[in-house]
Amino acid sequence: MVRKNDIKISTGVGIWVGDAGSNPSIDGNVIEQHNDGISIDTNASASIIQNNTIRLCQFRGLYLGSGSPTISTNTIKDNLAEGIVINAGLSPVIINNTITNNAPSGLGLAVQPNSPPTLTITGNTLSGNGGFNLNIYAPTVNLSSYTVNAQRNYWGTIDPLAISAKIHDNTKNSFTPFAD
């Protein structure tokens, strides 16, 4: 468990999980000014990342290279790249977070062949992020059979056209945003 720490200013990662089989609880930390705030590089499927403030990181606030943790009630803001990056068909639960003012996107989802994600992205505030609030990029995958359910989030507006403009899918699949 990594709990209630101020982890500030390094050229590395604020919290790195790379031990196979570990399922840490990362709770109540302030993580600022690192290359990446938190990096999960092992199959830590039962990890819980909650109640953290992750900000001002050079690259990503939170990077998931492996595992499918629960990510809840965090504030992830003002990072110079993505707020959260999810790689390679992982299935995290992303609920009740504030993901704002990151550039170029708040939530980046990388999808690779034969690894369809099952994502729960709900109850979050995703707004004010550079290019996009949700960026789904899959350079070699046809996403037409994939479903990313991102309902019941606040996108900084309730205007469906404005919401749509801040969601990017580089495969140009159609989607219909709605305000719920």
C-alpha atoms as a PDB file:
ATOM      1  CA  MET A   1       0.000   0.000   0.000  1.00  0.00           C
ATOM      2  CA  VAL A   2       1.197   3.472  -0.902  1.00  0.00           C
ATOM      3  CA  ARG A   3      -0.901   5.859   1.146  1.00  0.00           C
ATOM      4  CA  LYS A   4      -0.977   9.566   2.016  1.00  0.00           C
ATOM      5  CA  ASN A   5       2.410  10.648   0.671  1.00  0.00           C
ATOM      6  CA  ASP A   6       3.595  13.803  -1.059  1.00  0.00           C
ATOM      7  CA  ILE A   7       5.681  12.472  -3.950  1.00  0.00           C
ATOM      8  CA  LYS A   8       7.143  15.419  -5.795  1.00  0.00           C
ATOM      9  CA  ILE A   9       9.736  16.387  -8.386  1.00  0.00           C
ATOM     10  CA  SER A  10      11.831  13.726 -10.111  1.00  0.00           C
ATOM     11  CA  THR A  11      12.861  12.847 -13.655  1.00  0.00           C
ATOM     12  CA  GLY A  12      11.415   9.347 -13.240  1.00  0.00           C
ATOM     13  CA  VAL A  13       8.059   7.916 -12.237  1.00  0.00           C
ATOM     14  CA  GLY A  14       6.330   8.995  -9.046  1.00  0.00           C
ATOM     15  CA  ILE A  15       4.952   5.488  -8.303  1.00  0.00           C
ATOM     16  CA  TRP A  16       5.959   2.501 -10.421  1.00  0.00           C
ATOM     17  CA  VAL A  17       4.383  -0.949 -10.078  1.00  0.00           C
ATOM     18  CA  GLY A  18       6.449  -3.556 -11.894  1.00  0.00           C
ATOM     19  CA  ASP A  19       6.361  -6.547  -9.567  1.00  0.00           C
ATOM     20  CA  ALA A  20       4.414  -9.433 -11.120  1.00  0.00           C
ATOM     21  CA  GLY A  21       1.586 -10.536  -8.906  1.00  0.00           C
ATOM     22  CA  SER A  22       1.428  -7.368  -6.836  1.00  0.00           C
ATOM     23  CA  ASN A  23      -1.943  -5.668  -6.483  1.00  0.00           C
ATOM     24  CA  PRO A  24      -1.203  -2.472  -4.617  1.00  0.00           C
ATOM     25  CA  SER A  25      -3.556   0.058  -3.185  1.00  0.00           C
ATOM     26  CA  ILE A  26      -2.404   3.555  -4.143  1.00  0.00           C
ATOM     27  CA  ASP A  27      -4.520   5.889  -2.042  1.00  0.00           C
ATOM     28  CA  GLY A  28      -4.546   9.536  -1.012  1.00  0.00           C
ATOM     29  CA  ASN A  29      -1.206  10.634  -2.476  1.00  0.00           C
ATOM     30  CA  VAL A  30      -0.172  13.924  -4.039  1.00  0.00           C
ATOM     31  CA  ILE A  31       2.031  13.128  -7.042  1.00  0.00           C
ATOM     32  CA  GLU A  32       3.556  16.093  -8.881  1.00  0.00           C
ATOM     33  CA  GLN A  33       6.259  16.923 -11.419  1.00  0.00           C
ATOM     34  CA  HIS A  34       7.532  13.527 -12.618  1.00  0.00           C
ATOM     35  CA  ASN A  35       7.867  12.066 -16.107  1.00  0.00           C
ATOM     36  CA  ASP A  36       4.844   9.835 -15.336  1.00  0.00           C
ATOM     37  CA  GLY A  37       2.830  10.144 -12.142  1.00  0.00           C
ATOM     38  CA  ILE A  38       1.864   6.462 -11.750  1.00  0.00           C
ATOM     39  CA  SER A  39       2.932   3.629 -14.057  1.00  0.00           C
ATOM     40  CA  ILE A  40       1.471   0.111 -13.799  1.00  0.00           C
ATOM     41  CA  ASP A  41       3.677  -2.233 -15.838  1.00  0.00           C
ATOM     42  CA  THR A  42       2.619  -5.579 -14.413  1.00  0.00           C
ATOM     43  CA  ASN A  43      -0.555  -7.624 -14.348  1.00  0.00           C
ATOM     44  CA  ALA A  44      -1.953  -5.902 -11.289  1.00  0.00           C
ATOM     45  CA  SER A  45      -5.612  -6.588 -12.029  1.00  0.00           C
ATOM     46  CA  ALA A  46      -6.823  -6.114  -8.455  1.00  0.00           C
ATOM     47  CA  SER A  47      -5.027  -2.805  -7.884  1.00  0.00           C
ATOM     48  CA  ILE A  48      -6.962   0.147  -6.541  1.00  0.00           C
ATOM     49  CA  ILE A  49      -5.853   3.652  -7.437  1.00  0.00           C
ATOM     50  CA  GLN A  50      -8.021   6.134  -5.557  1.00  0.00           C
ATOM     51  CA  ASN A  51      -8.155   9.561  -3.946  1.00  0.00           C
ATOM     52  CA  ASN A  52      -4.869  10.732  -5.489  1.00  0.00           C
ATOM     53  CA  THR A  53      -3.971  14.091  -6.990  1.00  0.00           C
ATOM     54  CA  ILE A  54      -1.697  13.632 -10.005  1.00  0.00           C
ATOM     55  CA  ARG A  55      -0.582  16.824 -11.696  1.00  0.00           C
ATOM     56  CA  LEU A  56       2.138  18.673 -13.584  1.00  0.00           C
ATOM     57  CA  CYS A  57       3.805  15.516 -14.950  1.00  0.00           C
ATOM     58  CA  GLN A  58       5.972  15.787 -18.055  1.00  0.00           C
ATOM     59  CA  PHE A  59       4.228  12.933 -19.857  1.00  0.00           C
ATOM     60  CA  ARG A  60       1.277  10.981 -18.456  1.00  0.00           C
ATOM     61  CA  GLY A  61      -0.507  11.319 -15.172  1.00  0.00           C
ATOM     62  CA  LEU A  62      -1.330   7.603 -15.105  1.00  0.00           C
ATOM     63  CA  TYR A  63      -0.054   4.911 -17.485  1.00  0.00           C
ATOM     64  CA  LEU A  64      -1.530   1.400 -17.580  1.00  0.00           C
ATOM     65  CA  GLY A  65       0.742  -0.890 -19.556  1.00  0.00           C
ATOM     66  CA  SER A  66      -0.742  -3.978 -17.948  1.00  0.00           C
ATOM     67  CA  GLY A  67      -3.400  -4.981 -15.453  1.00  0.00           C
ATOM     68  CA  SER A  68      -6.944  -3.729 -15.059  1.00  0.00           C
ATOM     69  CA  PRO A  69      -7.198  -1.745 -11.840  1.00  0.00           C
ATOM     70  CA  THR A  70     -10.041   0.258 -10.400  1.00  0.00           C
ATOM     71  CA  ILE A  71      -9.280   3.962 -10.802  1.00  0.00           C
ATOM     72  CA  SER A  72     -11.619   6.095  -8.718  1.00  0.00           C
ATOM     73  CA  THR A  73     -12.023   9.551  -7.198  1.00  0.00           C
ATOM     74  CA  ASN A  74      -8.647  10.856  -8.407  1.00  0.00           C
ATOM     75  CA  THR A  75      -7.873  14.337  -9.652  1.00  0.00           C
ATOM     76  CA  ILE A  76      -5.652  14.073 -12.732  1.00  0.00           C
ATOM     77  CA  LYS A  77      -4.934  17.478 -14.158  1.00  0.00           C
ATOM     78  CA  ASP A  78      -2.442  19.825 -15.771  1.00  0.00           C
ATOM     79  CA  ASN A  79      -0.170  17.067 -17.150  1.00  0.00           C
ATOM     80  CA  LEU A  80       1.772  17.923 -20.310  1.00  0.00           C
ATOM     81  CA  ALA A  81       0.579  14.824 -22.169  1.00  0.00           C
ATOM     82  CA  GLU A  82      -2.384  12.534 -21.463  1.00  0.00           C
ATOM     83  CA  GLY A  83      -4.098  12.354 -18.125  1.00  0.00           C
ATOM     84  CA  ILE A  84      -4.541   8.559 -18.409  1.00  0.00           C
ATOM     85  CA  VAL A  85      -3.203   6.169 -21.054  1.00  0.00           C
ATOM     86  CA  ILE A  86      -4.643   2.660 -21.242  1.00  0.00           C
ATOM     87  CA  ASN A  87      -2.693   0.242 -23.398  1.00  0.00           C
ATOM     88  CA  ALA A  88      -3.439  -3.022 -25.150  1.00  0.00           C
ATOM     89  CA  GLY A  89      -6.923  -4.284 -24.394  1.00  0.00           C
ATOM     90  CA  LEU A  90      -6.963  -3.737 -20.667  1.00  0.00           C
ATOM     91  CA  SER A  91     -10.242  -3.508 -18.793  1.00  0.00           C
ATOM     92  CA  PRO A  92      -9.955  -1.007 -15.964  1.00  0.00           C
ATOM     93  CA  VAL A  93     -12.870   0.562 -14.134  1.00  0.00           C
ATOM     94  CA  ILE A  94     -12.541   4.361 -14.352  1.00  0.00           C
ATOM     95  CA  ILE A  95     -15.152   5.946 -12.114  1.00  0.00           C
ATOM     96  CA  ASN A  96     -15.758   9.318 -10.448  1.00  0.00           C
ATOM     97  CA  ASN A  97     -12.448  10.953 -11.418  1.00  0.00           C
ATOM     98  CA  THR A  98     -11.749  14.546 -12.417  1.00  0.00           C
ATOM     99  CA  ILE A  99      -9.549  14.496 -15.537  1.00  0.00           C
ATOM    100  CA  THR A 100      -8.994  18.075 -16.689  1.00  0.00           C
ATOM    101  CA  ASN A 101      -6.584  20.396 -18.468  1.00  0.00           C
ATOM    102  CA  ASN A 102      -4.218  17.713 -19.774  1.00  0.00           C
ATOM    103  CA  ALA A 103      -2.674  18.023 -23.227  1.00  0.00           C
ATOM    104  CA  PRO A 104      -3.224  16.566 -25.763  1.00  0.00           C
ATOM    105  CA  SER A 105      -6.003  14.448 -24.194  1.00  0.00           C
ATOM    106  CA  GLY A 106      -7.630  13.525 -20.926  1.00  0.00           C
ATOM    107  CA  LEU A 107      -8.055   9.820 -21.542  1.00  0.00           C
ATOM    108  CA  GLY A 108      -6.069   8.070 -24.267  1.00  0.00           C
ATOM    109  CA  LEU A 109      -7.028   4.524 -25.171  1.00  0.00           C
ATOM    110  CA  ALA A 110      -4.629   2.467 -27.297  1.00  0.00           C
ATOM    111  CA  VAL A 111      -6.287  -0.622 -28.779  1.00  0.00           C
ATOM    112  CA  GLN A 112      -4.229  -3.407 -30.321  1.00  0.00           C
ATOM    113  CA  PRO A 113      -5.314  -6.383 -32.486  1.00  0.00           C
ATOM    114  CA  ASN A 114      -7.092  -9.281 -30.760  1.00  0.00           C
ATOM    115  CA  SER A 115      -7.427  -7.404 -27.511  1.00  0.00           C
ATOM    116  CA  PRO A 116     -10.882  -5.832 -27.326  1.00  0.00           C
ATOM    117  CA  PRO A 117     -11.219  -3.658 -24.250  1.00  0.00           C
ATOM    118  CA  THR A 118     -14.115  -3.866 -21.858  1.00  0.00           C
ATOM    119  CA  LEU A 119     -14.117  -0.466 -20.285  1.00  0.00           C
ATOM    120  CA  THR A 120     -16.231   1.123 -17.604  1.00  0.00           C
ATOM    121  CA  ILE A 121     -15.773   4.878 -17.828  1.00  0.00           C
ATOM    122  CA  THR A 122     -18.527   6.518 -15.802  1.00  0.00           C
ATOM    123  CA  GLY A 123     -19.186   9.360 -13.402  1.00  0.00           C
ATOM    124  CA  ASN A 124     -16.041  11.234 -14.441  1.00  0.00           C
ATOM    125  CA  THR A 125     -15.483  14.861 -15.329  1.00  0.00           C
ATOM    126  CA  LEU A 126     -13.462  14.976 -18.552  1.00  0.00           C
ATOM    127  CA  SER A 127     -13.102  18.573 -19.683  1.00  0.00           C
ATOM    128  CA  GLY A 128     -10.695  21.265 -20.738  1.00  0.00           C
ATOM    129  CA  ASN A 129      -8.153  18.775 -22.080  1.00  0.00           C
ATOM    130  CA  GLY A 130      -5.970  19.933 -24.980  1.00  0.00           C
ATOM    131  CA  GLY A 131      -7.090  18.201 -28.133  1.00  0.00           C
ATOM    132  CA  PHE A 132      -9.591  15.674 -26.824  1.00  0.00           C
ATOM    133  CA  ASN A 133     -11.290  14.541 -23.651  1.00  0.00           C
ATOM    134  CA  LEU A 134     -11.352  10.948 -24.965  1.00  0.00           C
ATOM    135  CA  ASN A 135      -8.899   9.830 -27.656  1.00  0.00           C
ATOM    136  CA  ILE A 136      -9.204   6.277 -29.017  1.00  0.00           C
ATOM    137  CA  TYR A 137      -6.255   5.424 -31.228  1.00  0.00           C
ATOM    138  CA  ALA A 138      -5.823   2.111 -32.958  1.00  0.00           C
ATOM    139  CA  PRO A 139      -3.587   2.479 -36.003  1.00  0.00           C
ATOM    140  CA  THR A 140      -3.891  -1.170 -37.111  1.00  0.00           C
ATOM    141  CA  VAL A 141      -7.295  -2.185 -35.739  1.00  0.00           C
ATOM    142  CA  ASN A 142     -10.786  -1.890 -37.160  1.00  0.00           C
ATOM    143  CA  LEU A 143     -12.792  -0.728 -34.172  1.00  0.00           C
ATOM    144  CA  SER A 144     -16.206  -1.174 -35.794  1.00  0.00           C
ATOM    145  CA  SER A 145     -16.991  -4.190 -33.589  1.00  0.00           C
ATOM    146  CA  TYR A 146     -15.692  -2.602 -30.373  1.00  0.00           C
ATOM    147  CA  THR A 147     -17.849  -0.792 -27.857  1.00  0.00           C
ATOM    148  CA  VAL A 148     -16.472   1.766 -25.464  1.00  0.00           C
ATOM    149  CA  ASN A 149     -19.185   2.713 -23.009  1.00  0.00           C
ATOM    150  CA  ALA A 150     -18.479   6.165 -21.619  1.00  0.00           C
ATOM    151  CA  GLN A 151     -21.933   7.128 -20.371  1.00  0.00           C
ATOM    152  CA  ARG A 152     -22.794   9.316 -17.400  1.00  0.00           C
ATOM    153  CA  ASN A 153     -19.649  11.428 -17.596  1.00  0.00           C
ATOM    154  CA  TYR A 154     -19.572  15.198 -17.606  1.00  0.00           C
ATOM    155  CA  TRP A 155     -17.734  16.506 -20.669  1.00  0.00           C
ATOM    156  CA  GLY A 156     -17.666  20.201 -19.746  1.00  0.00           C
ATOM    157  CA  THR A 157     -20.960  20.739 -21.579  1.00  0.00           C
ATOM    158  CA  ILE A 158     -24.234  18.986 -22.278  1.00  0.00           C
ATOM    159  CA  ASP A 159     -24.209  19.989 -25.972  1.00  0.00           C
ATOM    160  CA  PRO A 160     -23.909  16.733 -28.015  1.00  0.00           C
ATOM    161  CA  LEU A 161     -22.008  18.471 -30.835  1.00  0.00           C
ATOM    162  CA  ALA A 162     -19.466  19.964 -28.430  1.00  0.00           C
ATOM    163  CA  ILE A 163     -19.076  16.572 -26.706  1.00  0.00           C
ATOM    164  CA  SER A 164     -18.555  14.881 -30.080  1.00  0.00           C
ATOM    165  CA  ALA A 165     -15.906  17.420 -31.073  1.00  0.00           C
ATOM    166  CA  LYS A 166     -13.812  16.451 -28.017  1.00  0.00           C
ATOM    167  CA  ILE A 167     -13.971  12.682 -28.683  1.00  0.00           C
ATOM    168  CA  HIS A 168     -11.541  11.330 -31.260  1.00  0.00           C
ATOM    169  CA  ASP A 169     -11.487   7.931 -32.949  1.00  0.00           C
ATOM    170  CA  ASN A 170      -8.711   7.752 -35.546  1.00  0.00           C
ATOM    171  CA  THR A 171     -10.450   4.887 -37.380  1.00  0.00           C
ATOM    172  CA  LYS A 172     -13.334   7.235 -38.211  1.00  0.00           C
ATOM    173  CA  ASN A 173     -16.018   4.891 -36.889  1.00  0.00           C
ATOM    174  CA  SER A 174     -19.341   6.493 -36.203  1.00  0.00           C
ATOM    175  CA  PHE A 175     -20.592   7.109 -32.719  1.00  0.00           C
ATOM    176  CA  THR A 176     -23.449   9.015 -31.247  1.00  0.00           C
ATOM    177  CA  PRO A 177     -22.796  11.070 -28.145  1.00  0.00           C
ATOM    178  CA  PHE A 178     -25.726  11.934 -25.959  1.00  0.00           C
ATOM    179  CA  ALA A 179     -26.224  13.907 -22.821  1.00  0.00           C
ATOM    180  CA  ASP A 180     -27.624  11.760 -20.039  1.00  0.00           C
END
